[in-house]
N, C-alpha and C. Protein backbone atom coordinates (compact mmCIF):
# COMPACT_ATOMS: atom_id res chain seq x y z
N MET A 1 90.95 68.00 53.81
CA MET A 1 92.09 68.80 54.22
C MET A 1 91.79 70.28 54.05
N LYS A 2 91.21 70.66 52.92
CA LYS A 2 90.89 72.05 52.66
C LYS A 2 89.84 72.55 53.64
N ARG A 3 88.90 71.67 53.98
CA ARG A 3 87.85 72.04 54.93
C ARG A 3 88.45 72.35 56.29
N ALA A 4 89.43 71.54 56.72
CA ALA A 4 90.08 71.75 58.01
C ALA A 4 90.88 73.05 58.01
N GLN A 5 91.54 73.34 56.89
CA GLN A 5 92.31 74.58 56.78
C GLN A 5 91.39 75.80 56.85
N LYS A 6 90.27 75.72 56.16
CA LYS A 6 89.30 76.82 56.20
C LYS A 6 88.77 77.04 57.60
N SER A 7 88.54 75.94 58.30
CA SER A 7 88.04 76.01 59.68
C SER A 7 89.05 76.69 60.58
N ARG A 8 90.33 76.32 60.42
CA ARG A 8 91.38 76.92 61.23
C ARG A 8 91.50 78.41 60.93
N LEU A 9 91.36 78.77 59.65
CA LEU A 9 91.47 80.16 59.24
C LEU A 9 90.33 80.98 59.85
N ARG A 10 89.11 80.40 59.83
CA ARG A 10 87.97 81.09 60.42
C ARG A 10 88.17 81.29 61.91
N ASN A 11 88.71 80.26 62.56
CA ASN A 11 88.95 80.35 64.01
C ASN A 11 89.97 81.42 64.34
N ARG A 12 91.02 81.51 63.50
CA ARG A 12 92.04 82.54 63.73
C ARG A 12 91.45 83.93 63.56
N LYS A 13 90.60 84.10 62.54
CA LYS A 13 89.97 85.38 62.30
C LYS A 13 89.03 85.73 63.47
N THR A 14 88.31 84.72 63.95
CA THR A 14 87.41 84.94 65.08
C THR A 14 88.18 85.35 66.32
N ASP A 15 89.29 84.63 66.59
CA ASP A 15 90.11 84.96 67.75
C ASP A 15 90.70 86.36 67.64
N ALA A 16 91.15 86.71 66.42
CA ALA A 16 91.75 88.03 66.20
C ALA A 16 90.70 89.13 66.40
N GLY A 17 89.49 88.88 65.89
CA GLY A 17 88.41 89.84 66.06
C GLY A 17 88.04 90.01 67.53
N ARG A 18 87.99 88.90 68.23
CA ARG A 18 87.66 88.94 69.65
C ARG A 18 88.72 89.71 70.43
N GLN A 19 89.99 89.44 70.13
CA GLN A 19 91.07 90.12 70.83
C GLN A 19 91.08 91.61 70.54
N GLN A 20 90.72 91.98 69.34
CA GLN A 20 90.66 93.40 68.98
C GLN A 20 89.58 94.12 69.80
N ILE A 21 88.47 93.45 69.99
CA ILE A 21 87.39 94.02 70.81
C ILE A 21 87.86 94.17 72.25
N VAL A 22 88.50 93.14 72.77
CA VAL A 22 88.98 93.18 74.15
C VAL A 22 90.01 94.31 74.34
N ALA A 23 90.91 94.45 73.38
CA ALA A 23 91.95 95.48 73.48
C ALA A 23 91.33 96.88 73.49
N SER A 24 90.35 97.10 72.64
CA SER A 24 89.67 98.40 72.57
C SER A 24 88.91 98.66 73.87
N ALA A 25 88.18 97.66 74.34
CA ALA A 25 87.41 97.82 75.57
C ALA A 25 88.33 98.04 76.77
N ARG A 26 89.44 97.34 76.78
CA ARG A 26 90.41 97.49 77.89
C ARG A 26 90.90 98.93 77.99
N ALA A 27 91.26 99.52 76.86
CA ALA A 27 91.77 100.89 76.86
C ALA A 27 90.71 101.85 77.39
N HIS A 28 89.47 101.68 76.95
CA HIS A 28 88.40 102.59 77.37
C HIS A 28 87.93 102.33 78.80
N PHE A 29 87.73 101.06 79.14
CA PHE A 29 87.22 100.73 80.47
C PHE A 29 88.16 101.22 81.57
N PHE A 30 89.45 100.91 81.44
CA PHE A 30 90.40 101.26 82.50
C PHE A 30 90.60 102.77 82.60
N SER A 31 90.46 103.49 81.49
CA SER A 31 90.67 104.93 81.51
C SER A 31 89.43 105.71 81.90
N HIS A 32 88.28 105.32 81.35
CA HIS A 32 87.06 106.10 81.51
C HIS A 32 85.99 105.41 82.35
N GLY A 33 86.24 104.17 82.76
CA GLY A 33 85.21 103.40 83.45
C GLY A 33 84.34 102.70 82.42
N PHE A 34 83.73 101.60 82.80
CA PHE A 34 82.94 100.86 81.81
C PHE A 34 81.49 101.32 81.75
N ARG A 35 81.08 102.10 82.73
CA ARG A 35 79.70 102.58 82.73
C ARG A 35 79.45 103.57 81.60
N SER A 36 80.42 104.44 81.35
CA SER A 36 80.23 105.50 80.35
C SER A 36 80.54 105.05 78.92
N VAL A 37 81.13 103.87 78.77
CA VAL A 37 81.47 103.34 77.45
C VAL A 37 80.38 102.34 77.04
N THR A 38 79.69 102.66 75.97
CA THR A 38 78.59 101.78 75.53
C THR A 38 79.09 100.77 74.50
N MET A 39 78.32 99.73 74.33
CA MET A 39 78.63 98.74 73.30
C MET A 39 78.54 99.38 71.91
N ASP A 40 77.62 100.35 71.77
CA ASP A 40 77.51 101.10 70.51
C ASP A 40 78.81 101.83 70.21
N ASP A 41 79.38 102.47 71.24
CA ASP A 41 80.63 103.22 71.07
C ASP A 41 81.73 102.29 70.58
N LEU A 42 81.84 101.14 71.21
CA LEU A 42 82.90 100.19 70.84
C LEU A 42 82.71 99.66 69.42
N ALA A 43 81.48 99.32 69.08
CA ALA A 43 81.20 98.82 67.73
C ALA A 43 81.56 99.86 66.68
N GLU A 44 81.19 101.10 66.95
CA GLU A 44 81.49 102.18 66.00
C GLU A 44 82.99 102.39 65.85
N GLU A 45 83.69 102.39 66.96
CA GLU A 45 85.14 102.60 66.90
C GLU A 45 85.84 101.47 66.14
N LEU A 46 85.37 100.26 66.34
CA LEU A 46 85.99 99.09 65.71
C LEU A 46 85.53 98.89 64.27
N GLY A 47 84.50 99.62 63.88
CA GLY A 47 83.98 99.48 62.52
C GLY A 47 83.27 98.16 62.29
N ILE A 48 82.59 97.69 63.33
CA ILE A 48 81.84 96.44 63.21
C ILE A 48 80.38 96.70 63.63
N SER A 49 79.52 95.78 63.29
CA SER A 49 78.13 95.94 63.68
C SER A 49 77.92 95.52 65.12
N LYS A 50 76.84 96.01 65.73
CA LYS A 50 76.50 95.59 67.08
C LYS A 50 76.24 94.09 67.13
N LYS A 51 75.69 93.57 66.04
CA LYS A 51 75.41 92.14 65.99
C LYS A 51 76.69 91.34 66.12
N THR A 52 77.73 91.79 65.42
CA THR A 52 79.02 91.10 65.49
C THR A 52 79.61 91.21 66.89
N LEU A 53 79.51 92.41 67.47
CA LEU A 53 80.03 92.60 68.82
C LEU A 53 79.33 91.70 69.83
N TYR A 54 78.00 91.66 69.74
CA TYR A 54 77.25 90.84 70.67
C TYR A 54 77.41 89.35 70.42
N ALA A 55 77.82 89.00 69.21
CA ALA A 55 78.09 87.58 68.92
C ALA A 55 79.29 87.11 69.72
N HIS A 56 80.26 88.01 69.91
CA HIS A 56 81.44 87.70 70.72
C HIS A 56 81.15 87.83 72.21
N PHE A 57 80.44 88.90 72.58
CA PHE A 57 80.16 89.21 73.99
C PHE A 57 78.70 89.61 74.14
N PRO A 58 77.86 88.70 74.59
CA PRO A 58 76.41 88.97 74.72
C PRO A 58 76.05 90.09 75.68
N SER A 59 76.98 90.47 76.56
CA SER A 59 76.70 91.55 77.50
C SER A 59 77.99 92.30 77.83
N LYS A 60 77.81 93.51 78.36
CA LYS A 60 78.98 94.31 78.73
C LYS A 60 79.74 93.66 79.89
N ILE A 61 79.01 93.00 80.79
CA ILE A 61 79.66 92.34 81.91
C ILE A 61 80.59 91.21 81.42
N GLU A 62 80.12 90.48 80.41
CA GLU A 62 80.98 89.42 79.85
C GLU A 62 82.20 90.01 79.18
N LEU A 63 82.04 91.17 78.56
CA LEU A 63 83.18 91.86 77.96
C LEU A 63 84.13 92.34 79.05
N LEU A 64 83.58 92.86 80.12
CA LEU A 64 84.42 93.30 81.26
C LEU A 64 85.21 92.13 81.82
N GLU A 65 84.58 90.98 81.96
CA GLU A 65 85.27 89.80 82.47
C GLU A 65 86.40 89.37 81.53
N ALA A 66 86.16 89.51 80.21
CA ALA A 66 87.20 89.16 79.24
C ALA A 66 88.37 90.14 79.33
N VAL A 67 88.06 91.41 79.54
CA VAL A 67 89.11 92.44 79.69
C VAL A 67 89.97 92.13 80.90
N LEU A 68 89.34 91.78 82.01
CA LEU A 68 90.10 91.46 83.23
C LEU A 68 90.93 90.19 83.06
N ALA A 69 90.36 89.21 82.37
CA ALA A 69 91.12 87.97 82.10
C ALA A 69 92.35 88.27 81.26
N ASP A 70 92.18 89.16 80.28
CA ASP A 70 93.29 89.56 79.42
C ASP A 70 94.35 90.28 80.24
N LYS A 71 93.92 91.15 81.13
CA LYS A 71 94.84 91.89 81.99
C LYS A 71 95.66 90.93 82.85
N PHE A 72 94.99 90.01 83.52
CA PHE A 72 95.70 89.07 84.38
C PHE A 72 96.63 88.14 83.60
N ALA A 73 96.20 87.75 82.41
CA ALA A 73 97.05 86.89 81.58
C ALA A 73 98.33 87.61 81.20
N ASN A 74 98.23 88.88 80.85
CA ASN A 74 99.41 89.67 80.50
C ASN A 74 100.34 89.84 81.70
N VAL A 75 99.73 90.12 82.85
CA VAL A 75 100.52 90.28 84.07
C VAL A 75 101.29 89.01 84.39
N GLU A 76 100.61 87.87 84.28
CA GLU A 76 101.25 86.59 84.59
C GLU A 76 102.43 86.29 83.66
N VAL A 77 102.26 86.62 82.39
CA VAL A 77 103.35 86.41 81.41
C VAL A 77 104.58 87.23 81.82
N LYS A 78 104.36 88.48 82.19
CA LYS A 78 105.47 89.36 82.55
C LYS A 78 106.13 88.93 83.86
N LEU A 79 105.33 88.52 84.83
CA LEU A 79 105.91 88.07 86.11
C LEU A 79 106.70 86.78 85.92
N ASN A 80 106.20 85.91 85.07
CA ASN A 80 106.94 84.69 84.76
C ASN A 80 108.30 85.01 84.13
N ALA A 81 108.29 85.97 83.22
CA ALA A 81 109.54 86.36 82.54
C ALA A 81 110.55 86.91 83.54
N ILE A 82 110.06 87.70 84.50
CA ILE A 82 110.94 88.27 85.50
C ILE A 82 111.56 87.20 86.38
N THR A 83 110.74 86.27 86.86
CA THR A 83 111.26 85.24 87.76
C THR A 83 112.21 84.30 87.03
N ARG A 84 111.97 84.06 85.75
CA ARG A 84 112.89 83.22 84.98
C ARG A 84 114.21 83.94 84.73
N ALA A 85 114.14 85.25 84.53
CA ALA A 85 115.35 86.03 84.24
C ALA A 85 116.24 86.20 85.46
N HIS A 86 115.64 86.21 86.67
CA HIS A 86 116.42 86.45 87.90
C HIS A 86 116.06 85.41 88.96
N PRO A 87 116.33 84.13 88.67
CA PRO A 87 115.91 83.07 89.61
C PRO A 87 116.63 83.11 90.96
N HIS A 88 117.86 83.65 90.99
CA HIS A 88 118.64 83.64 92.22
C HIS A 88 119.17 85.03 92.60
N ASP A 89 118.55 86.06 92.04
CA ASP A 89 118.94 87.43 92.35
C ASP A 89 117.75 88.12 93.01
N PHE A 90 117.66 87.99 94.34
CA PHE A 90 116.50 88.49 95.07
C PHE A 90 116.26 89.97 94.84
N SER A 91 117.30 90.77 94.99
CA SER A 91 117.13 92.23 94.90
C SER A 91 116.65 92.65 93.52
N ARG A 92 117.24 92.09 92.49
CA ARG A 92 116.84 92.45 91.11
C ARG A 92 115.42 91.97 90.82
N ALA A 93 115.12 90.75 91.24
CA ALA A 93 113.77 90.20 91.00
C ALA A 93 112.72 91.03 91.74
N LEU A 94 113.02 91.39 93.00
CA LEU A 94 112.08 92.20 93.77
C LEU A 94 111.86 93.55 93.10
N HIS A 95 112.94 94.17 92.68
CA HIS A 95 112.82 95.47 92.01
C HIS A 95 111.97 95.38 90.75
N GLU A 96 112.23 94.36 89.95
CA GLU A 96 111.49 94.20 88.68
C GLU A 96 110.03 93.85 88.93
N LEU A 97 109.77 93.00 89.92
CA LEU A 97 108.37 92.65 90.24
C LEU A 97 107.60 93.88 90.71
N LEU A 98 108.22 94.68 91.56
CA LEU A 98 107.56 95.88 92.06
C LEU A 98 107.32 96.90 90.93
N ALA A 99 108.33 97.09 90.10
CA ALA A 99 108.22 98.05 89.00
C ALA A 99 107.13 97.63 88.02
N ASN A 100 107.09 96.34 87.70
CA ASN A 100 106.06 95.86 86.76
C ASN A 100 104.67 95.98 87.37
N THR A 101 104.55 95.64 88.64
CA THR A 101 103.25 95.75 89.32
C THR A 101 102.75 97.18 89.31
N GLN A 102 103.63 98.12 89.56
CA GLN A 102 103.26 99.53 89.55
C GLN A 102 102.83 99.99 88.16
N ARG A 103 103.52 99.52 87.14
CA ARG A 103 103.14 99.87 85.75
C ARG A 103 101.77 99.32 85.42
N GLU A 104 101.50 98.10 85.83
CA GLU A 104 100.21 97.49 85.53
C GLU A 104 99.08 98.21 86.27
N LEU A 105 99.32 98.58 87.50
CA LEU A 105 98.30 99.28 88.29
C LEU A 105 98.07 100.70 87.78
N ASP A 106 99.09 101.27 87.17
CA ASP A 106 98.98 102.64 86.66
C ASP A 106 97.96 102.74 85.54
N GLU A 107 97.66 101.62 84.90
CA GLU A 107 96.68 101.58 83.80
C GLU A 107 95.27 101.85 84.32
N ILE A 108 95.05 101.56 85.58
CA ILE A 108 93.69 101.67 86.15
C ILE A 108 93.47 103.06 86.72
N LYS A 109 92.46 103.75 86.19
CA LYS A 109 92.18 105.13 86.56
C LYS A 109 90.94 105.21 87.48
N PRO A 110 90.74 106.37 88.12
CA PRO A 110 89.64 106.52 89.09
C PRO A 110 88.25 106.11 88.59
N PRO A 111 87.85 106.45 87.35
CA PRO A 111 86.50 106.04 86.91
C PRO A 111 86.27 104.53 86.95
N PHE A 112 87.30 103.76 86.67
CA PHE A 112 87.15 102.30 86.67
C PHE A 112 86.93 101.80 88.10
N VAL A 113 87.70 102.33 89.05
CA VAL A 113 87.53 101.94 90.45
C VAL A 113 86.12 102.28 90.92
N ARG A 114 85.65 103.48 90.55
CA ARG A 114 84.30 103.92 90.94
C ARG A 114 83.24 102.97 90.38
N ASP A 115 83.36 102.63 89.10
CA ASP A 115 82.37 101.76 88.48
C ASP A 115 82.39 100.35 89.05
N MET A 116 83.57 99.86 89.41
CA MET A 116 83.64 98.52 90.01
C MET A 116 82.88 98.49 91.32
N ARG A 117 82.96 99.55 92.08
CA ARG A 117 82.26 99.59 93.37
C ARG A 117 80.75 99.67 93.18
N ARG A 118 80.32 100.51 92.23
CA ARG A 118 78.90 100.77 92.09
C ARG A 118 78.15 99.79 91.19
N LYS A 119 78.83 99.28 90.18
CA LYS A 119 78.12 98.52 89.15
C LYS A 119 78.53 97.06 89.00
N ALA A 120 79.68 96.68 89.52
CA ALA A 120 80.12 95.29 89.30
C ALA A 120 80.86 94.71 90.51
N PRO A 121 80.28 94.82 91.71
CA PRO A 121 80.97 94.27 92.88
C PRO A 121 81.19 92.76 92.79
N GLN A 122 80.28 92.07 92.07
CA GLN A 122 80.44 90.63 91.95
C GLN A 122 81.65 90.27 91.08
N VAL A 123 81.94 91.11 90.10
CA VAL A 123 83.10 90.87 89.24
C VAL A 123 84.39 91.07 90.03
N PHE A 124 84.36 91.99 90.97
CA PHE A 124 85.56 92.25 91.77
C PHE A 124 85.99 91.03 92.57
N LYS A 125 85.06 90.15 92.89
CA LYS A 125 85.41 88.92 93.59
C LYS A 125 86.37 88.08 92.75
N VAL A 126 86.17 88.10 91.46
CA VAL A 126 87.07 87.38 90.55
C VAL A 126 88.46 88.01 90.60
N ILE A 127 88.48 89.34 90.60
CA ILE A 127 89.76 90.06 90.67
C ILE A 127 90.51 89.68 91.95
N GLU A 128 89.79 89.63 93.06
CA GLU A 128 90.43 89.28 94.34
C GLU A 128 91.06 87.90 94.29
N ARG A 129 90.35 86.94 93.72
CA ARG A 129 90.89 85.57 93.65
C ARG A 129 92.11 85.50 92.77
N ARG A 130 92.03 86.11 91.59
CA ARG A 130 93.17 86.07 90.65
C ARG A 130 94.36 86.81 91.24
N ARG A 131 94.11 87.94 91.86
CA ARG A 131 95.17 88.75 92.45
C ARG A 131 95.87 87.99 93.58
N ALA A 132 95.08 87.36 94.44
CA ALA A 132 95.66 86.60 95.55
C ALA A 132 96.53 85.45 95.04
N ALA A 133 96.07 84.79 93.98
CA ALA A 133 96.84 83.68 93.41
C ALA A 133 98.19 84.15 92.88
N LEU A 134 98.21 85.30 92.21
CA LEU A 134 99.45 85.83 91.67
C LEU A 134 100.41 86.26 92.77
N ILE A 135 99.88 86.92 93.79
CA ILE A 135 100.72 87.36 94.91
C ILE A 135 101.33 86.16 95.61
N GLU A 136 100.49 85.15 95.88
CA GLU A 136 100.97 83.96 96.59
C GLU A 136 102.02 83.22 95.76
N ARG A 137 101.80 83.15 94.46
CA ARG A 137 102.71 82.40 93.60
C ARG A 137 104.05 83.10 93.42
N PHE A 138 104.03 84.37 93.06
CA PHE A 138 105.28 85.04 92.70
C PHE A 138 105.98 85.67 93.89
N PHE A 139 105.26 86.40 94.74
CA PHE A 139 105.92 86.98 95.90
C PHE A 139 106.24 85.91 96.94
N GLY A 140 105.40 84.87 97.01
CA GLY A 140 105.69 83.77 97.93
C GLY A 140 107.00 83.09 97.58
N LYS A 141 107.18 82.80 96.31
CA LYS A 141 108.42 82.18 95.83
C LYS A 141 109.61 83.09 96.08
N LEU A 142 109.39 84.39 95.88
CA LEU A 142 110.47 85.37 96.07
C LEU A 142 110.90 85.43 97.53
N PHE A 143 109.93 85.42 98.46
CA PHE A 143 110.27 85.49 99.88
C PHE A 143 111.01 84.23 100.33
N VAL A 144 110.65 83.09 99.79
CA VAL A 144 111.37 81.85 100.12
C VAL A 144 112.82 81.96 99.66
N GLU A 145 113.01 82.45 98.43
CA GLU A 145 114.37 82.63 97.91
C GLU A 145 115.12 83.68 98.73
N GLY A 146 114.40 84.72 99.15
CA GLY A 146 115.03 85.75 99.96
C GLY A 146 115.51 85.23 101.30
N GLN A 147 114.75 84.34 101.89
CA GLN A 147 115.19 83.74 103.15
C GLN A 147 116.42 82.85 102.94
N ARG A 148 116.43 82.15 101.82
CA ARG A 148 117.57 81.26 101.53
C ARG A 148 118.87 82.04 101.38
N THR A 149 118.75 83.25 100.81
CA THR A 149 119.94 84.06 100.53
C THR A 149 120.21 85.12 101.59
N GLY A 150 119.43 85.10 102.67
CA GLY A 150 119.69 86.04 103.75
C GLY A 150 119.14 87.43 103.52
N MET A 151 118.23 87.58 102.56
CA MET A 151 117.65 88.88 102.26
C MET A 151 116.34 89.12 103.01
N VAL A 152 115.72 88.03 103.44
CA VAL A 152 114.45 88.12 104.17
C VAL A 152 114.62 87.43 105.51
N ARG A 153 114.06 88.04 106.56
CA ARG A 153 114.17 87.47 107.90
C ARG A 153 113.70 86.02 107.93
N LYS A 154 114.47 85.20 108.68
CA LYS A 154 114.13 83.78 108.77
C LYS A 154 113.31 83.45 110.02
N ASP A 155 113.15 84.44 110.91
CA ASP A 155 112.41 84.17 112.14
C ASP A 155 110.90 84.26 111.93
N VAL A 156 110.48 84.66 110.73
CA VAL A 156 109.07 84.70 110.37
C VAL A 156 108.87 83.81 109.14
N PRO A 157 108.02 82.78 109.22
CA PRO A 157 107.83 81.89 108.08
C PRO A 157 107.37 82.65 106.83
N ALA A 158 107.89 82.24 105.68
CA ALA A 158 107.51 82.89 104.42
C ALA A 158 106.00 82.83 104.19
N LYS A 159 105.38 81.71 104.57
CA LYS A 159 103.94 81.57 104.38
C LYS A 159 103.17 82.60 105.22
N LEU A 160 103.68 82.89 106.40
CA LEU A 160 103.02 83.88 107.25
C LEU A 160 103.16 85.28 106.65
N ILE A 161 104.33 85.56 106.10
CA ILE A 161 104.54 86.86 105.45
C ILE A 161 103.53 87.05 104.33
N ILE A 162 103.35 86.01 103.53
CA ILE A 162 102.41 86.09 102.42
C ILE A 162 100.98 86.24 102.92
N GLU A 163 100.62 85.53 103.97
CA GLU A 163 99.28 85.65 104.54
C GLU A 163 99.01 87.07 105.04
N ILE A 164 100.02 87.66 105.65
CA ILE A 164 99.88 89.04 106.12
C ILE A 164 99.70 89.98 104.93
N LEU A 165 100.50 89.78 103.89
CA LEU A 165 100.41 90.61 102.69
C LEU A 165 99.04 90.46 102.04
N LEU A 166 98.57 89.23 101.89
CA LEU A 166 97.28 88.98 101.27
C LEU A 166 96.14 89.61 102.06
N THR A 167 96.22 89.50 103.40
CA THR A 167 95.16 90.06 104.25
C THR A 167 95.09 91.57 104.13
N ILE A 168 96.25 92.21 104.14
CA ILE A 168 96.27 93.67 104.03
C ILE A 168 95.78 94.11 102.65
N VAL A 169 96.23 93.42 101.60
CA VAL A 169 95.81 93.77 100.25
C VAL A 169 94.29 93.64 100.11
N GLN A 170 93.73 92.57 100.64
CA GLN A 170 92.29 92.37 100.54
C GLN A 170 91.52 93.45 101.30
N ALA A 171 92.05 93.87 102.44
CA ALA A 171 91.37 94.87 103.25
C ALA A 171 91.44 96.27 102.65
N ILE A 172 92.54 96.57 101.99
CA ILE A 172 92.76 97.93 101.47
C ILE A 172 92.48 98.05 99.98
N MET A 173 92.92 97.06 99.21
CA MET A 173 92.84 97.14 97.75
C MET A 173 91.48 96.68 97.23
N ASN A 174 90.45 97.41 97.60
CA ASN A 174 89.11 97.15 97.08
C ASN A 174 88.48 98.49 96.75
N PRO A 175 87.56 98.53 95.79
CA PRO A 175 87.00 99.81 95.34
C PRO A 175 86.43 100.69 96.44
N THR A 176 85.71 100.10 97.40
CA THR A 176 85.11 100.91 98.46
C THR A 176 86.17 101.58 99.31
N LYS A 177 87.15 100.83 99.75
CA LYS A 177 88.21 101.39 100.61
C LYS A 177 89.09 102.37 99.83
N MET A 178 89.36 102.08 98.56
CA MET A 178 90.16 102.99 97.75
C MET A 178 89.49 104.36 97.65
N GLU A 179 88.17 104.36 97.41
CA GLU A 179 87.43 105.62 97.31
C GLU A 179 87.41 106.33 98.68
N GLU A 180 87.24 105.54 99.72
CA GLU A 180 87.19 106.12 101.07
C GLU A 180 88.51 106.80 101.42
N LEU A 181 89.61 106.18 101.03
CA LEU A 181 90.94 106.73 101.33
C LEU A 181 91.38 107.79 100.31
N GLY A 182 90.65 107.88 99.20
CA GLY A 182 91.03 108.82 98.15
C GLY A 182 92.32 108.42 97.47
N MET A 183 92.51 107.12 97.31
CA MET A 183 93.75 106.60 96.73
C MET A 183 93.45 105.74 95.52
N MET A 184 94.46 105.59 94.69
CA MET A 184 94.37 104.69 93.55
C MET A 184 95.09 103.38 93.89
N PRO A 185 94.76 102.28 93.19
CA PRO A 185 95.42 101.00 93.46
C PRO A 185 96.95 101.09 93.46
N LYS A 186 97.50 101.88 92.56
CA LYS A 186 98.96 102.02 92.48
C LYS A 186 99.53 102.55 93.78
N GLU A 187 98.89 103.58 94.35
CA GLU A 187 99.36 104.18 95.59
C GLU A 187 99.16 103.22 96.77
N GLY A 188 97.99 102.59 96.79
CA GLY A 188 97.69 101.68 97.88
C GLY A 188 98.64 100.50 97.95
N PHE A 189 98.89 99.88 96.80
CA PHE A 189 99.78 98.72 96.77
C PHE A 189 101.21 99.09 97.13
N ALA A 190 101.65 100.26 96.66
CA ALA A 190 103.00 100.73 96.99
C ALA A 190 103.15 100.91 98.49
N GLY A 191 102.14 101.51 99.13
CA GLY A 191 102.19 101.72 100.57
C GLY A 191 102.18 100.42 101.35
N ILE A 192 101.35 99.49 100.92
CA ILE A 192 101.26 98.18 101.58
C ILE A 192 102.60 97.45 101.52
N LEU A 193 103.18 97.41 100.32
CA LEU A 193 104.44 96.69 100.17
C LEU A 193 105.57 97.35 100.96
N LYS A 194 105.54 98.67 101.00
CA LYS A 194 106.59 99.38 101.76
C LYS A 194 106.55 98.97 103.22
N ILE A 195 105.33 98.91 103.78
CA ILE A 195 105.18 98.53 105.19
C ILE A 195 105.59 97.07 105.41
N VAL A 196 105.13 96.18 104.53
CA VAL A 196 105.45 94.76 104.68
C VAL A 196 106.94 94.51 104.53
N LEU A 197 107.54 95.14 103.53
CA LEU A 197 108.97 94.92 103.27
C LEU A 197 109.83 95.52 104.37
N GLU A 198 109.39 96.62 104.95
CA GLU A 198 110.14 97.22 106.06
C GLU A 198 110.30 96.23 107.21
N GLY A 199 109.28 95.39 107.40
CA GLY A 199 109.32 94.43 108.50
C GLY A 199 109.94 93.09 108.14
N THR A 200 110.19 92.85 106.86
CA THR A 200 110.67 91.52 106.47
C THR A 200 112.10 91.51 105.91
N LEU A 201 112.56 92.59 105.30
CA LEU A 201 113.87 92.60 104.71
C LEU A 201 114.96 92.71 105.78
N THR A 202 116.06 92.04 105.56
CA THR A 202 117.19 92.09 106.47
C THR A 202 118.05 93.31 106.15
N ARG A 203 119.02 93.60 107.03
CA ARG A 203 119.94 94.72 106.79
C ARG A 203 120.73 94.49 105.50
N LYS A 204 121.06 93.25 105.23
CA LYS A 204 121.79 92.90 104.01
C LYS A 204 121.00 93.32 102.78
N ALA A 205 119.69 93.04 102.78
CA ALA A 205 118.84 93.39 101.64
C ALA A 205 118.73 94.90 101.47
N ARG A 206 118.65 95.62 102.59
CA ARG A 206 118.52 97.09 102.52
C ARG A 206 119.81 97.69 101.97
N THR A 207 120.94 97.08 102.31
CA THR A 207 122.23 97.59 101.84
C THR A 207 122.36 97.38 100.34
N VAL A 208 121.95 96.19 99.88
CA VAL A 208 122.00 95.88 98.45
C VAL A 208 121.03 96.78 97.68
N GLY A 209 119.80 96.96 98.25
CA GLY A 209 118.79 97.78 97.58
C GLY A 209 119.22 99.22 97.48
């Protein structure tokens, strides 16, 4: 029994240590880009040895992947909370989903976008898949509810609306296009949604909004 308790305690300490590393890396990577932040810098800031850091994350790319997984997990928790809080209030749910999405995107600064394009294009493929899944799950459900309540046009299938949204997001919301347009993800996503919503919301929804 004591052996099992010690094992659980060690696991909790390991998980806590790992999460602390991820939190520190997340703050630095999203603000300054991951190219300029070294593993030495992170180890020194956290007061741990490089050996300990590399025991958790053998490479910076693996740490970057963990940071992105943490980001998406947090986003999913918040989006779930919003949809549970407003299951039948389309306007409120839409407002909260958009506001939360903008807050999450605001965390990502220009150096991170630049580094994703130049140094980790393969990792961005993971971002695209996770992002598409979240959009399809939460905005798809919202558009279906909006059609039921007369807030979203019924002459266009909800699945088609989502496909259009996903296609535009994939074409615009990528590091290369963002740099080309001189825009940040927050600005790009806001513009995309404005255009999509202009074509999908009914007069009733605009009046309520």
